[in-house]
Amino acid sequence: DAQLREIVPAPGRRNRHTTEKAARPLDRRPRP
C-alpha cells in the first residue's frame, strides 16, 4: 500500500499538543 508510506513515521509516536502558547498572549482559554 503506497498510501501507508506517508504514515510510516507516525506509528509509536506520541504527539502532545497544547493551547498554552496561544492562550497566554490572548488571555483566553479554549472551550472543552
PDB file of all heavy atoms in Angstrom:
ATOM      1  N   ASP A   1       0.817  -1.210   0.000  1.00  0.00           N
ATOM      2  CA  ASP A   1       0.000   0.000   0.000  1.00  0.00           C
ATOM      3  C   ASP A   1       0.855   1.267   0.000  1.00  0.00           C
ATOM      4  O   ASP A   1       1.485   1.621   0.991  1.00  0.00           O
ATOM      5  CB  ASP A   1      -0.918  -0.010   1.215  1.00  0.00           C
ATOM      6  CG  ASP A   1      -2.010   1.027   1.129  1.00  0.00           C
ATOM      7  OD1 ASP A   1      -1.831   2.031   0.415  1.00  0.00           O
ATOM      8  OD2 ASP A   1      -3.046   0.831   1.780  1.00  0.00           O
ATOM      9  N   ALA A   2       0.844   1.982  -1.114  1.00  0.00           N
ATOM     10  CA  ALA A   2       1.645   3.204  -1.249  1.00  0.00           C
ATOM     11  C   ALA A   2       1.165   4.309  -0.307  1.00  0.00           C
ATOM     12  O   ALA A   2       1.970   5.122   0.158  1.00  0.00           O
ATOM     13  CB  ALA A   2       1.604   3.700  -2.686  1.00  0.00           C
ATOM     14  N   GLN A   3      -0.116   4.341   0.006  1.00  0.00           N
ATOM     15  CA  GLN A   3      -0.641   5.372   0.904  1.00  0.00           C
ATOM     16  C   GLN A   3      -0.095   5.219   2.316  1.00  0.00           C
ATOM     17  O   GLN A   3       0.054   6.196   3.039  1.00  0.00           O
ATOM     18  CB  GLN A   3      -2.163   5.346   0.935  1.00  0.00           C
ATOM     19  CG  GLN A   3      -2.784   5.820  -0.368  1.00  0.00           C
ATOM     20  CD  GLN A   3      -4.291   5.794  -0.299  1.00  0.00           C
ATOM     21  OE1 GLN A   3      -4.878   4.996   0.429  1.00  0.00           O
ATOM     22  NE2 GLN A   3      -4.924   6.662  -1.061  1.00  0.00           N
ATOM     23  N   LEU A   4       0.227   4.007   2.703  1.00  0.00           N
ATOM     24  CA  LEU A   4       0.772   3.792   4.044  1.00  0.00           C
ATOM     25  C   LEU A   4       2.168   4.362   4.191  1.00  0.00           C
ATOM     26  O   LEU A   4       2.609   4.664   5.293  1.00  0.00           O
ATOM     27  CB  LEU A   4       0.785   2.300   4.384  1.00  0.00           C
ATOM     28  CG  LEU A   4      -0.569   1.684   4.702  1.00  0.00           C
ATOM     29  CD1 LEU A   4      -0.420   0.195   4.957  1.00  0.00           C
ATOM     30  CD2 LEU A   4      -1.208   2.369   5.888  1.00  0.00           C
ATOM     31  N   ARG A   5       2.877   4.542   3.100  1.00  0.00           N
ATOM     32  CA  ARG A   5       4.235   5.096   3.179  1.00  0.00           C
ATOM     33  C   ARG A   5       4.243   6.487   3.806  1.00  0.00           C
ATOM     34  O   ARG A   5       5.212   6.880   4.434  1.00  0.00           O
ATOM     35  CB  ARG A   5       4.864   5.143   1.786  1.00  0.00           C
ATOM     36  CG  ARG A   5       5.200   3.781   1.276  1.00  0.00           C
ATOM     37  CD  ARG A   5       5.973   3.824  -0.038  1.00  0.00           C
ATOM     38  NE  ARG A   5       5.877   2.519  -0.654  1.00  0.00           N
ATOM     39  CZ  ARG A   5       5.363   2.277  -1.839  1.00  0.00           C
ATOM     40  NH1 ARG A   5       4.936   3.272  -2.587  1.00  0.00           N
ATOM     41  NH2 ARG A   5       5.296   1.054  -2.299  1.00  0.00           N
ATOM     42  N   GLU A   6       3.142   7.213   3.636  1.00  0.00           N
ATOM     43  CA  GLU A   6       3.061   8.565   4.191  1.00  0.00           C
ATOM     44  C   GLU A   6       2.977   8.571   5.713  1.00  0.00           C
ATOM     45  O   GLU A   6       3.378   9.533   6.348  1.00  0.00           O
ATOM     46  CB  GLU A   6       1.850   9.296   3.621  1.00  0.00           C
ATOM     47  CG  GLU A   6       1.938   9.506   2.127  1.00  0.00           C
ATOM     48  CD  GLU A   6       0.684  10.138   1.558  1.00  0.00           C
ATOM     49  OE1 GLU A   6      -0.071  10.762   2.318  1.00  0.00           O
ATOM     50  OE2 GLU A   6       0.473  10.003   0.346  1.00  0.00           O
ATOM     51  N   ILE A   7       2.441   7.487   6.297  1.00  0.00           N
ATOM     52  CA  ILE A   7       2.258   7.476   7.747  1.00  0.00           C
ATOM     53  C   ILE A   7       3.287   6.622   8.474  1.00  0.00           C
ATOM     54  O   ILE A   7       3.233   6.502   9.693  1.00  0.00           O
ATOM     55  CB  ILE A   7       0.839   7.015   8.140  1.00  0.00           C
ATOM     56  CG1 ILE A   7       0.617   5.559   7.751  1.00  0.00           C
ATOM     57  CG2 ILE A   7      -0.218   7.921   7.569  1.00  0.00           C
ATOM     58  CD1 ILE A   7      -0.539   4.924   8.488  1.00  0.00           C
ATOM     59  N   VAL A   8       4.223   6.030   7.753  1.00  0.00           N
ATOM     60  CA  VAL A   8       5.201   5.149   8.387  1.00  0.00           C
ATOM     61  C   VAL A   8       5.933   5.822   9.555  1.00  0.00           C
ATOM     62  O   VAL A   8       6.154   5.188  10.577  1.00  0.00           O
ATOM     63  CB  VAL A   8       6.189   4.561   7.350  1.00  0.00           C
ATOM     64  CG1 VAL A   8       7.397   3.943   8.021  1.00  0.00           C
ATOM     65  CG2 VAL A   8       5.475   3.521   6.506  1.00  0.00           C
ATOM     66  N   PRO A   9       6.291   7.091   9.485  1.00  0.00           N
ATOM     67  CA  PRO A   9       6.954   7.693  10.648  1.00  0.00           C
ATOM     68  C   PRO A   9       6.033   7.848  11.867  1.00  0.00           C
ATOM     69  O   PRO A   9       6.515   8.003  12.987  1.00  0.00           O
ATOM     70  CB  PRO A   9       7.381   9.073  10.157  1.00  0.00           C
ATOM     71  CG  PRO A   9       7.378   8.975   8.682  1.00  0.00           C
ATOM     72  CD  PRO A   9       6.315   7.975   8.336  1.00  0.00           C
ATOM     73  N   ALA A  10       4.727   7.797  11.689  1.00  0.00           N
ATOM     74  CA  ALA A  10       3.787   8.095  12.763  1.00  0.00           C
ATOM     75  C   ALA A  10       3.584   6.992  13.798  1.00  0.00           C
ATOM     76  O   ALA A  10       3.443   7.297  14.980  1.00  0.00           O
ATOM     77  CB  ALA A  10       2.436   8.508  12.169  1.00  0.00           C
ATOM     78  N   PRO A  11       3.522   5.706  13.434  1.00  0.00           N
ATOM     79  CA  PRO A  11       3.227   4.693  14.462  1.00  0.00           C
ATOM     80  C   PRO A  11       4.226   4.731  15.616  1.00  0.00           C
ATOM     81  O   PRO A  11       5.424   4.873  15.424  1.00  0.00           O
ATOM     82  CB  PRO A  11       3.338   3.364  13.708  1.00  0.00           C
ATOM     83  CG  PRO A  11       3.046   3.714  12.301  1.00  0.00           C
ATOM     84  CD  PRO A  11       3.633   5.095  12.118  1.00  0.00           C
ATOM     85  N   GLY A  12       3.689   4.643  16.813  1.00  0.00           N
ATOM     86  CA  GLY A  12       4.520   4.650  18.002  1.00  0.00           C
ATOM     87  C   GLY A  12       4.865   6.037  18.512  1.00  0.00           C
ATOM     88  O   GLY A  12       5.298   6.194  19.644  1.00  0.00           O
ATOM     89  N   ARG A  13       4.674   7.056  17.707  1.00  0.00           N
ATOM     90  CA  ARG A  13       4.988   8.427  18.131  1.00  0.00           C
ATOM     91  C   ARG A  13       3.823   8.982  18.937  1.00  0.00           C
ATOM     92  O   ARG A  13       2.675   8.827  18.584  1.00  0.00           O
ATOM     93  CB  ARG A  13       5.221   9.313  16.914  1.00  0.00           C
ATOM     94  CG  ARG A  13       5.630  10.710  17.314  1.00  0.00           C
ATOM     95  CD  ARG A  13       5.729  11.698  16.188  1.00  0.00           C
ATOM     96  NE  ARG A  13       6.272  11.141  14.970  1.00  0.00           N
ATOM     97  CZ  ARG A  13       6.035  11.662  13.764  1.00  0.00           C
ATOM     98  NH1 ARG A  13       5.265  12.721  13.638  1.00  0.00           N
ATOM     99  NH2 ARG A  13       6.550  11.129  12.697  1.00  0.00           N
ATOM    100  N   ARG A  14       4.147   9.637  20.028  1.00  0.00           N
ATOM    101  CA  ARG A  14       3.109  10.295  20.830  1.00  0.00           C
ATOM    102  C   ARG A  14       3.201  11.791  20.588  1.00  0.00           C
ATOM    103  O   ARG A  14       4.226  12.401  20.869  1.00  0.00           O
ATOM    104  CB  ARG A  14       3.298  10.001  22.305  1.00  0.00           C
ATOM    105  CG  ARG A  14       2.986   8.590  22.656  1.00  0.00           C
ATOM    106  CD  ARG A  14       2.728   8.504  24.146  1.00  0.00           C
ATOM    107  NE  ARG A  14       2.208   7.193  24.464  1.00  0.00           N
ATOM    108  CZ  ARG A  14       0.935   6.954  24.697  1.00  0.00           C
ATOM    109  NH1 ARG A  14       0.064   7.923  24.658  1.00  0.00           N
ATOM    110  NH2 ARG A  14       0.528   5.746  24.988  1.00  0.00           N
ATOM    111  N   ASN A  15       2.125  12.345  20.065  1.00  0.00           N
ATOM    112  CA  ASN A  15       2.061  13.784  19.839  1.00  0.00           C
ATOM    113  C   ASN A  15       1.287  14.410  20.988  1.00  0.00           C
ATOM    114  O   ASN A  15       0.166  14.017  21.275  1.00  0.00           O
ATOM    115  CB  ASN A  15       1.363  14.096  18.518  1.00  0.00           C
ATOM    116  CG  ASN A  15       2.133  13.566  17.347  1.00  0.00           C
ATOM    117  OD1 ASN A  15       3.351  13.683  17.302  1.00  0.00           O
ATOM    118  ND2 ASN A  15       1.447  12.960  16.401  1.00  0.00           N
ATOM    119  N   ARG A  16       1.907  15.368  21.612  1.00  0.00           N
ATOM    120  CA  ARG A  16       1.238  16.080  22.704  1.00  0.00           C
ATOM    121  C   ARG A  16       1.161  17.548  22.333  1.00  0.00           C
ATOM    122  O   ARG A  16       2.176  18.216  22.222  1.00  0.00           O
ATOM    123  CB  ARG A  16       2.004  15.876  23.988  1.00  0.00           C
ATOM    124  CG  ARG A  16       2.030  14.407  24.337  1.00  0.00           C
ATOM    125  CD  ARG A  16       2.294  14.164  25.761  1.00  0.00           C
ATOM    126  NE  ARG A  16       2.191  12.720  25.953  1.00  0.00           N
ATOM    127  CZ  ARG A  16       2.849  12.060  26.835  1.00  0.00           C
ATOM    128  NH1 ARG A  16       3.648  12.697  27.653  1.00  0.00           N
ATOM    129  NH2 ARG A  16       2.708  10.769  26.951  1.00  0.00           N
ATOM    130  N   HIS A  17      -0.038  17.999  22.131  1.00  0.00           N
ATOM    131  CA  HIS A  17      -0.257  19.387  21.727  1.00  0.00           C
ATOM    132  C   HIS A  17      -0.911  20.138  22.872  1.00  0.00           C
ATOM    133  O   HIS A  17      -1.678  19.584  23.648  1.00  0.00           O
ATOM    134  CB  HIS A  17      -1.144  19.439  20.482  1.00  0.00           C
ATOM    135  CG  HIS A  17      -0.583  18.655  19.343  1.00  0.00           C
ATOM    136  ND1 HIS A  17       0.458  19.099  18.586  1.00  0.00           N
ATOM    137  CD2 HIS A  17      -0.912  17.437  18.852  1.00  0.00           C
ATOM    138  CE1 HIS A  17       0.750  18.204  17.668  1.00  0.00           C
ATOM    139  NE2 HIS A  17      -0.066  17.183  17.817  1.00  0.00           N
ATOM    140  N   THR A  18      -0.631  21.393  22.936  1.00  0.00           N
ATOM    141  CA  THR A  18      -1.205  22.219  23.986  1.00  0.00           C
ATOM    142  C   THR A  18      -1.629  23.568  23.402  1.00  0.00           C
ATOM    143  O   THR A  18      -1.104  23.985  22.372  1.00  0.00           O
ATOM    144  CB  THR A  18      -0.198  22.427  25.138  1.00  0.00           C
ATOM    145  OG1 THR A  18      -0.786  23.283  26.107  1.00  0.00           O
ATOM    146  CG2 THR A  18       1.108  23.037  24.651  1.00  0.00           C
ATOM    147  N   THR A  19      -2.561  24.208  24.073  1.00  0.00           N
ATOM    148  CA  THR A  19      -3.029  25.524  23.631  1.00  0.00           C
ATOM    149  C   THR A  19      -2.377  26.645  24.428  1.00  0.00           C
ATOM    150  O   THR A  19      -2.696  27.811  24.225  1.00  0.00           O
ATOM    151  CB  THR A  19      -4.555  25.626  23.784  1.00  0.00           C
ATOM    152  OG1 THR A  19      -4.891  25.395  25.141  1.00  0.00           O
ATOM    153  CG2 THR A  19      -5.266  24.622  22.888  1.00  0.00           C
ATOM    154  N   GLU A  20      -1.464  26.294  25.315  1.00  0.00           N
ATOM    155  CA  GLU A  20      -0.852  27.296  26.191  1.00  0.00           C
ATOM    156  C   GLU A  20      -0.176  28.435  25.439  1.00  0.00           C
ATOM    157  O   GLU A  20      -0.276  29.588  25.817  1.00  0.00           O
ATOM    158  CB  GLU A  20       0.150  26.638  27.139  1.00  0.00           C
ATOM    159  CG  GLU A  20      -0.501  25.870  28.256  1.00  0.00           C
ATOM    160  CD  GLU A  20      -1.453  26.724  29.084  1.00  0.00           C
ATOM    161  OE1 GLU A  20      -1.066  27.832  29.501  1.00  0.00           O
ATOM    162  OE2 GLU A  20      -2.594  26.289  29.295  1.00  0.00           O
ATOM    163  N   LYS A  21       0.520  28.114  24.366  1.00  0.00           N
ATOM    164  CA  LYS A  21       1.257  29.137  23.625  1.00  0.00           C
ATOM    165  C   LYS A  21       0.308  30.211  23.068  1.00  0.00           C
ATOM    166  O   LYS A  21       0.630  31.392  23.068  1.00  0.00           O
ATOM    167  CB  LYS A  21       2.025  28.479  22.483  1.00  0.00           C
ATOM    168  CG  LYS A  21       3.268  29.193  22.089  1.00  0.00           C
ATOM    169  CD  LYS A  21       3.991  28.372  21.035  1.00  0.00           C
ATOM    170  CE  LYS A  21       5.453  28.614  21.084  1.00  0.00           C
ATOM    171  NZ  LYS A  21       6.184  27.882  20.078  1.00  0.00           N
ATOM    172  N   ALA A  22      -0.858  29.798  22.625  1.00  0.00           N
ATOM    173  CA  ALA A  22      -1.836  30.744  22.097  1.00  0.00           C
ATOM    174  C   ALA A  22      -2.640  31.385  23.226  1.00  0.00           C
ATOM    175  O   ALA A  22      -3.036  32.549  23.129  1.00  0.00           O
ATOM    176  CB  ALA A  22      -2.779  30.054  21.126  1.00  0.00           C
ATOM    177  N   ALA A  23      -2.892  30.649  24.285  1.00  0.00           N
ATOM    178  CA  ALA A  23      -3.753  31.145  25.370  1.00  0.00           C
ATOM    179  C   ALA A  23      -3.106  32.285  26.143  1.00  0.00           C
ATOM    180  O   ALA A  23      -3.788  33.237  26.525  1.00  0.00           O
ATOM    181  CB  ALA A  23      -4.104  30.004  26.318  1.00  0.00           C
ATOM    182  N   ARG A  24      -1.816  32.218  26.383  1.00  0.00           N
ATOM    183  CA  ARG A  24      -1.152  33.256  27.194  1.00  0.00           C
ATOM    184  C   ARG A  24      -1.261  34.650  26.596  1.00  0.00           C
ATOM    185  O   ARG A  24      -1.773  35.553  27.248  1.00  0.00           O
ATOM    186  CB  ARG A  24       0.306  32.870  27.435  1.00  0.00           C
ATOM    187  CG  ARG A  24       0.461  32.032  28.679  1.00  0.00           C
ATOM    188  CD  ARG A  24       1.915  31.723  28.964  1.00  0.00           C
ATOM    189  NE  ARG A  24       2.220  30.447  28.338  1.00  0.00           N
ATOM    190  CZ  ARG A  24       3.251  30.223  27.531  1.00  0.00           C
ATOM    191  NH1 ARG A  24       4.100  31.165  27.266  1.00  0.00           N
ATOM    192  NH2 ARG A  24       3.440  29.041  27.000  1.00  0.00           N
ATOM    193  N   PRO A  25      -0.792  34.872  25.361  1.00  0.00           N
ATOM    194  CA  PRO A  25      -0.854  36.251  24.849  1.00  0.00           C
ATOM    195  C   PRO A  25      -2.281  36.737  24.599  1.00  0.00           C
ATOM    196  O   PRO A  25      -2.551  37.927  24.652  1.00  0.00           O
ATOM    197  CB  PRO A  25      -0.060  36.210  23.549  1.00  0.00           C
ATOM    198  CG  PRO A  25       0.043  34.789  23.175  1.00  0.00           C
ATOM    199  CD  PRO A  25      -0.109  33.984  24.440  1.00  0.00           C
ATOM    200  N   LEU A  26      -3.186  35.820  24.327  1.00  0.00           N
ATOM    201  CA  LEU A  26      -4.568  36.206  24.050  1.00  0.00           C
ATOM    202  C   LEU A  26      -5.402  36.303  25.321  1.00  0.00           C
ATOM    203  O   LEU A  26      -6.526  36.787  25.294  1.00  0.00           O
ATOM    204  CB  LEU A  26      -5.219  35.198  23.097  1.00  0.00           C
ATOM    205  CG  LEU A  26      -4.557  35.083  21.725  1.00  0.00           C
ATOM    206  CD1 LEU A  26      -5.182  33.938  20.935  1.00  0.00           C
ATOM    207  CD2 LEU A  26      -4.696  36.383  20.958  1.00  0.00           C
ATOM    208  N   ASP A  27      -4.848  35.795  26.428  1.00  0.00           N
ATOM    209  CA  ASP A  27      -5.547  35.763  27.699  1.00  0.00           C
ATOM    210  C   ASP A  27      -6.908  35.098  27.560  1.00  0.00           C
ATOM    211  O   ASP A  27      -7.930  35.598  28.026  1.00  0.00           O
ATOM    212  CB  ASP A  27      -5.687  37.175  28.289  1.00  0.00           C
ATOM    213  CG  ASP A  27      -6.090  37.134  29.756  1.00  0.00           C
ATOM    214  OD1 ASP A  27      -5.708  36.167  30.450  1.00  0.00           O
ATOM    215  OD2 ASP A  27      -6.790  38.063  30.196  1.00  0.00           O
ATOM    216  N   ARG A  28      -6.933  33.988  26.848  1.00  0.00           N
ATOM    217  CA  ARG A  28      -8.164  33.241  26.608  1.00  0.00           C
ATOM    218  C   ARG A  28      -7.918  31.768  26.876  1.00  0.00           C
ATOM    219  O   ARG A  28      -6.836  31.271  26.663  1.00  0.00           O
ATOM    220  CB  ARG A  28      -8.636  33.392  25.156  1.00  0.00           C
ATOM    221  CG  ARG A  28      -8.764  34.792  24.636  1.00  0.00           C
ATOM    222  CD  ARG A  28     -10.080  35.373  24.729  1.00  0.00           C
ATOM    223  NE  ARG A  28     -11.135  34.509  24.270  1.00  0.00           N
ATOM    224  CZ  ARG A  28     -12.376  34.886  24.188  1.00  0.00           C
ATOM    225  NH1 ARG A  28     -12.676  36.106  24.507  1.00  0.00           N
ATOM    226  NH2 ARG A  28     -13.310  34.081  23.794  1.00  0.00           N
ATOM    227  N   ARG A  29      -8.931  31.090  27.286  1.00  0.00           N
ATOM    228  CA  ARG A  29      -8.870  29.644  27.478  1.00  0.00           C
ATOM    229  C   ARG A  29      -9.836  28.993  26.499  1.00  0.00           C
ATOM    230  O   ARG A  29     -10.963  29.465  26.326  1.00  0.00           O
ATOM    231  CB  ARG A  29      -9.278  29.258  28.899  1.00  0.00           C
ATOM    232  CG  ARG A  29      -8.327  29.756  29.943  1.00  0.00           C
ATOM    233  CD  ARG A  29      -7.055  28.912  29.943  1.00  0.00           C
ATOM    234  NE  ARG A  29      -6.023  29.556  30.733  1.00  0.00           N
ATOM    235  CZ  ARG A  29      -4.825  29.876  30.252  1.00  0.00           C
ATOM    236  NH1 ARG A  29      -4.499  29.609  29.025  1.00  0.00           N
ATOM    237  NH2 ARG A  29      -3.946  30.461  31.021  1.00  0.00           N
ATOM    238  N   PRO A  30      -9.403  27.913  25.845  1.00  0.00           N
ATOM    239  CA  PRO A  30     -10.299  27.248  24.902  1.00  0.00           C
ATOM    240  C   PRO A  30     -11.452  26.554  25.629  1.00  0.00           C
ATOM    241  O   PRO A  30     -11.337  26.195  26.801  1.00  0.00           O
ATOM    242  CB  PRO A  30      -9.398  26.216  24.217  1.00  0.00           C
ATOM    243  CG  PRO A  30      -8.299  25.976  25.183  1.00  0.00           C
ATOM    244  CD  PRO A  30      -8.109  27.260  25.930  1.00  0.00           C
ATOM    245  N   ARG A  31     -12.537  26.395  24.914  1.00  0.00           N
ATOM    246  CA  ARG A  31     -13.675  25.675  25.476  1.00  0.00           C
ATOM    247  C   ARG A  31     -13.372  24.183  25.460  1.00  0.00           C
ATOM    248  O   ARG A  31     -12.581  23.721  24.649  1.00  0.00           O
ATOM    249  CB  ARG A  31     -14.927  25.943  24.640  1.00  0.00           C
ATOM    250  CG  ARG A  31     -15.328  27.386  24.658  1.00  0.00           C
ATOM    251  CD  ARG A  31     -16.559  27.698  23.871  1.00  0.00           C
ATOM    252  NE  ARG A  31     -16.789  26.804  22.747  1.00  0.00           N
ATOM    253  CZ  ARG A  31     -17.975  26.607  22.196  1.00  0.00           C
ATOM    254  NH1 ARG A  31     -19.017  27.247  22.642  1.00  0.00           N
ATOM    255  NH2 ARG A  31     -18.126  25.811  21.175  1.00  0.00           N
ATOM    256  N   PRO A  32     -14.007  23.411  26.312  1.00  0.00           N
ATOM    257  CA  PRO A  32     -13.794  21.966  26.294  1.00  0.00           C
ATOM    258  C   PRO A  32     -14.181  21.375  24.931  1.00  0.00           C
ATOM    259  O   PRO A  32     -15.153  21.812  24.299  1.00  0.00           O
ATOM    260  CB  PRO A  32     -14.734  21.447  27.384  1.00  0.00           C
ATOM    261  CG  PRO A  32     -14.960  22.620  28.273  1.00  0.00           C
ATOM    262  CD  PRO A  32     -14.894  23.831  27.388  1.00  0.00           C
TER     263      PRO A  32
END
